[in-house]
C-alpha atoms as a PDB file:
ATOM      1  CA  PRO A   1     -33.853 -11.244  -0.790  1.00  0.00           C
ATOM      2  CA  LEU A   2     -30.062 -10.882  -0.057  1.00  0.00           C
ATOM      3  CA  SER A   3     -29.255  -9.415   3.312  1.00  0.00           C
ATOM      4  CA  PRO A   4     -26.355  -9.250   5.695  1.00  0.00           C
ATOM      5  CA  THR A   5     -26.343 -12.081   8.224  1.00  0.00           C
ATOM      6  CA  SER A   6     -24.761 -11.690  11.600  1.00  0.00           C
ATOM      7  CA  CYS A   7     -24.208 -14.769  14.010  1.00  0.00           C
ATOM      8  CA  LEU A   8     -22.735 -13.289  17.236  1.00  0.00           C
ATOM      9  CA  ALA A   9     -24.127 -15.786  19.687  1.00  0.00           C
ATOM     10  CA  PRO A  10     -21.726 -18.497  21.106  1.00  0.00           C
ATOM     11  CA  THR A  11     -23.913 -21.272  19.687  1.00  0.00           C
ATOM     12  CA  THR A  12     -24.087 -22.992  16.297  1.00  0.00           C
ATOM     13  CA  ALA A  13     -25.865 -20.996  13.767  1.00  0.00           C
ATOM     14  CA  GLU A  14     -26.980 -22.234  10.313  1.00  0.00           C
ATOM     15  CA  SER A  15     -28.174 -20.141   7.381  1.00  0.00           C
ATOM     16  CA  ALA A  16     -30.055 -22.063   4.666  1.00  0.00           C
ATOM     17  CA  THR A  17     -30.313 -19.062   2.433  1.00  0.00           C
ATOM     18  CA  THR A  18     -27.806 -17.122   0.298  1.00  0.00           C
ATOM     19  CA  SER A  19     -26.649 -13.847   2.007  1.00  0.00           C
ATOM     20  CA  SER A  20     -24.788 -10.966   0.500  1.00  0.00           C
ATOM     21  CA  LEU A  21     -22.271 -10.628   3.396  1.00  0.00           C
ATOM     22  CA  ILE A  22     -21.863 -12.740   6.481  1.00  0.00           C
ATOM     23  CA  SER A  23     -20.056 -11.613   9.682  1.00  0.00           C
ATOM     24  CA  ALA A  24     -19.406 -14.735  11.661  1.00  0.00           C
ATOM     25  CA  ARG A  25     -18.273 -15.712  15.195  1.00  0.00           C
ATOM     26  CA  ASN A  26     -17.898 -19.201  16.781  1.00  0.00           C
ATOM     27  CA  TRP A  27     -19.169 -22.170  14.754  1.00  0.00           C
ATOM     28  CA  ASN A  28     -21.296 -21.405  11.835  1.00  0.00           C
ATOM     29  CA  VAL A  29     -22.642 -23.342   8.810  1.00  0.00           C
ATOM     30  CA  PHE A  30     -23.639 -21.414   5.778  1.00  0.00           C
ATOM     31  CA  GLN A  31     -25.016 -22.389   2.344  1.00  0.00           C
ATOM     32  CA  SER A  32     -23.607 -19.540   0.225  1.00  0.00           C
ATOM     33  CA  ALA A  33     -22.662 -15.917   0.296  1.00  0.00           C
ATOM     34  CA  VAL A  34     -22.625 -13.523  -2.686  1.00  0.00           C
ATOM     35  CA  SER A  35     -19.824 -11.147  -1.556  1.00  0.00           C
ATOM     36  CA  GLY A  36     -18.103 -13.075   1.319  1.00  0.00           C
ATOM     37  CA  ILE A  37     -17.615 -14.157   4.825  1.00  0.00           C
ATOM     38  CA  GLU A  38     -15.763 -12.199   7.376  1.00  0.00           C
ATOM     39  CA  PHE A  39     -14.246 -12.990  10.896  1.00  0.00           C
ATOM     40  CA  ILE A  40     -13.148  -9.980  12.949  1.00  0.00           C
ATOM     41  CA  ASN A  41     -11.814 -10.141  16.529  1.00  0.00           C
ATOM     42  CA  CYS A  42     -12.762 -13.812  16.973  1.00  0.00           C
ATOM     43  CA  GLN A  43     -11.399 -16.572  19.113  1.00  0.00           C
ATOM     44  CA  SER A  44     -11.556 -20.280  18.144  1.00  0.00           C
ATOM     45  CA  MET A  45     -13.765 -19.722  15.111  1.00  0.00           C
ATOM     46  CA  GLN A  46     -14.993 -22.492  12.906  1.00  0.00           C
ATOM     47  CA  ILE A  47     -17.027 -22.182   9.659  1.00  0.00           C
ATOM     48  CA  GLN A  48     -18.349 -24.542   7.198  1.00  0.00           C
ATOM     49  CA  VAL A  49     -19.434 -23.469   3.679  1.00  0.00           C
ATOM     50  CA  LEU A  50     -21.919 -25.954   2.129  1.00  0.00           C
ATOM     51  CA  GLY A  51     -22.274 -23.935  -1.212  1.00  0.00           C
ATOM     52  CA  SER A  52     -20.053 -21.253  -2.525  1.00  0.00           C
ATOM     53  CA  VAL A  53     -18.452 -18.059  -1.384  1.00  0.00           C
ATOM     54  CA  PRO A  54     -15.990 -15.831  -3.387  1.00  0.00           C
ATOM     55  CA  THR A  55     -14.070 -14.357  -0.365  1.00  0.00           C
ATOM     56  CA  ILE A  56     -13.304 -15.286   3.206  1.00  0.00           C
ATOM     57  CA  SER A  57     -11.683 -12.405   5.196  1.00  0.00           C
ATOM     58  CA  VAL A  58      -9.958 -13.186   8.545  1.00  0.00           C
ATOM     59  CA  ASP A  59      -8.985 -10.054  10.641  1.00  0.00           C
ATOM     60  CA  LYS A  60      -7.603 -10.073  14.187  1.00  0.00           C
ATOM     61  CA  THR A  61      -8.681 -13.693  14.748  1.00  0.00           C
ATOM     62  CA  ASP A  62      -6.872 -16.394  16.782  1.00  0.00           C
ATOM     63  CA  GLY A  63      -7.917 -19.906  15.939  1.00  0.00           C
ATOM     64  CA  CYS A  64      -9.845 -20.306  12.749  1.00  0.00           C
ATOM     65  CA  GLN A  65     -10.879 -23.492  10.903  1.00  0.00           C
ATOM     66  CA  MET A  66     -12.526 -23.131   7.495  1.00  0.00           C
ATOM     67  CA  PHE A  67     -14.262 -26.182   5.988  1.00  0.00           C
ATOM     68  CA  LEU A  68     -14.739 -25.615   2.273  1.00  0.00           C
ATOM     69  CA  SER A  69     -17.214 -27.324  -0.127  1.00  0.00           C
ATOM     70  CA  LYS A  70     -16.209 -28.632  -3.548  1.00  0.00           C
ATOM     71  CA  ASP A  71     -18.148 -25.640  -4.850  1.00  0.00           C
ATOM     72  CA  CYS A  72     -15.975 -23.031  -3.268  1.00  0.00           C
ATOM     73  CA  LEU A  73     -12.428 -24.226  -4.154  1.00  0.00           C
ATOM     74  CA  ASP A  74     -11.795 -20.958  -6.034  1.00  0.00           C
ATOM     75  CA  VAL A  75     -12.263 -18.814  -2.860  1.00  0.00           C
ATOM     76  CA  ASN A  76      -9.940 -15.962  -2.151  1.00  0.00           C
ATOM     77  CA  ILE A  77      -8.804 -16.015   1.563  1.00  0.00           C
ATOM     78  CA  ILE A  78      -7.617 -12.578   2.941  1.00  0.00           C
ATOM     79  CA  THR A  79      -5.936 -12.466   6.313  1.00  0.00           C
ATOM     80  CA  ALA A  80      -4.628  -9.809   8.528  1.00  0.00           C
ATOM     81  CA  LYS A  81      -3.219  -9.980  12.160  1.00  0.00           C
ATOM     82  CA  SER A  82      -4.476 -13.469  12.641  1.00  0.00           C
ATOM     83  CA  SER A  83      -2.977 -16.744  13.817  1.00  0.00           C
ATOM     84  CA  GLU A  84      -3.760 -20.520  13.975  1.00  0.00           C
ATOM     85  CA  MET A  85      -5.629 -20.618  10.673  1.00  0.00           C
ATOM     86  CA  ASN A  86      -6.366 -23.853   8.824  1.00  0.00           C
ATOM     87  CA  VAL A  87      -8.303 -24.521   5.734  1.00  0.00           C
ATOM     88  CA  MET A  88     -10.013 -27.854   5.360  1.00  0.00           C
ATOM     89  CA  ILE A  89     -10.108 -28.857   1.726  1.00  0.00           C
ATOM     90  CA  PRO A  90     -12.577 -31.588   0.542  1.00  0.00           C
ATOM     91  CA  ASN A  91     -10.980 -34.682  -0.847  1.00  0.00           C
ATOM     92  CA  GLY A  92     -13.448 -37.372  -1.577  1.00  0.00           C
ATOM     93  CA  GLU A  93     -15.191 -38.210   1.870  1.00  0.00           C
ATOM     94  CA  GLU A  94     -12.307 -36.751   3.786  1.00  0.00           C
ATOM     95  CA  PHE A  95     -10.806 -33.305   4.342  1.00  0.00           C
ATOM     96  CA  VAL A  96      -7.231 -32.375   3.818  1.00  0.00           C
ATOM     97  CA  GLU A  97      -6.042 -29.721   6.395  1.00  0.00           C
ATOM     98  CA  GLN A  98      -3.788 -26.961   5.168  1.00  0.00           C
ATOM     99  CA  PRO A  99      -2.392 -24.241   7.398  1.00  0.00           C
ATOM    100  CA  LEU A 100      -2.399 -20.603   6.372  1.00  0.00           C
ATOM    101  CA  PRO A 101       1.063 -18.898   6.715  1.00  0.00           C
ATOM    102  CA  GLU A 102       1.444 -16.544   9.694  1.00  0.00           C
ATOM    103  CA  GLN A 103       4.868 -15.375   9.000  1.00  0.00           C
ATOM    104  CA  PHE A 104       6.322 -13.754   5.900  1.00  0.00           C
ATOM    105  CA  ARG A 105       9.709 -12.748   4.406  1.00  0.00           C
ATOM    106  CA  THR A 106       9.972  -9.493   2.596  1.00  0.00           C
ATOM    107  CA  THR A 107      12.966  -8.566   0.282  1.00  0.00           C
ATOM    108  CA  LEU A 108      13.759  -5.694  -1.934  1.00  0.00           C
ATOM    109  CA  ASN A 109      13.803  -6.149  -5.633  1.00  0.00           C
ATOM    110  CA  GLY A 110      15.018  -2.864  -7.037  1.00  0.00           C
ATOM    111  CA  LEU A 111      12.325  -0.317  -5.792  1.00  0.00           C
ATOM    112  CA  LYS A 112       9.753  -2.959  -5.174  1.00  0.00           C
ATOM    113  CA  LEU A 113       8.994  -5.217  -2.217  1.00  0.00           C
ATOM    114  CA  GLU A 114       8.492  -8.958  -2.674  1.00  0.00           C
ATOM    115  CA  THR A 115       6.687 -10.727   0.160  1.00  0.00           C
ATOM    116  CA  PHE A 116       6.480 -14.610   0.395  1.00  0.00           C
ATOM    117  CA  PRO A 117       5.343 -16.968   3.216  1.00  0.00           C
ATOM    118  CA  THR A 118       8.268 -18.013   5.374  1.00  0.00           C
ATOM    119  CA  ASP A 119       9.478 -21.482   4.653  1.00  0.00           C
ATOM    120  CA  TRP A 120      11.605 -22.717   7.557  1.00  0.00           C
ATOM    121  CA  ASN A 121      12.597 -25.833   5.536  1.00  0.00           C
ATOM    122  CA  CYS A 122      14.957 -23.758   3.409  1.00  0.00           C
ATOM    123  CA  ASP A 123      18.095 -21.785   3.915  1.00  0.00           C
ATOM    124  CA  ILE A 124      17.602 -18.066   4.004  1.00  0.00           C
ATOM    125  CA  VAL A 125      20.662 -16.242   2.494  1.00  0.00           C
END
C-alpha cells in the first residue's frame, strides 16, 4: 500500500518501496514516489531517486543535492526560499551537475509580470 514516508533521523535512510509522498531530511535514497518528494527547513540535504518521481519540492532549505535517475528526467522541481541547490543529471556512467537559480529578475510587460533567472553574463538594461 502507498503511504507517506518520513525520514527525519540524521542517518541514511532507504525506501525500497513506492510511497505516495516523501518528506525527507539529510541523505535519503528512494526508489519512487507517486506524488513527490519534499524538503522543508533542511540543511545540507542530499537525495537520490533510483526510480521516478513527478515532483521535488524544496522549501526553506540551504544546501540541497538531488541525484536523479534516467527514469525521472521529466521531474518538476519547485523551490522557495532556498539556496545552494544542485541537480545531478545522469549522463552515461557519470552525473552532470546543474545549479538551480537563486536570484530572479522581474520586469513589467504591460499589466503582467515576467520573471526569469538572473544571468550575470549578460547586460541588464
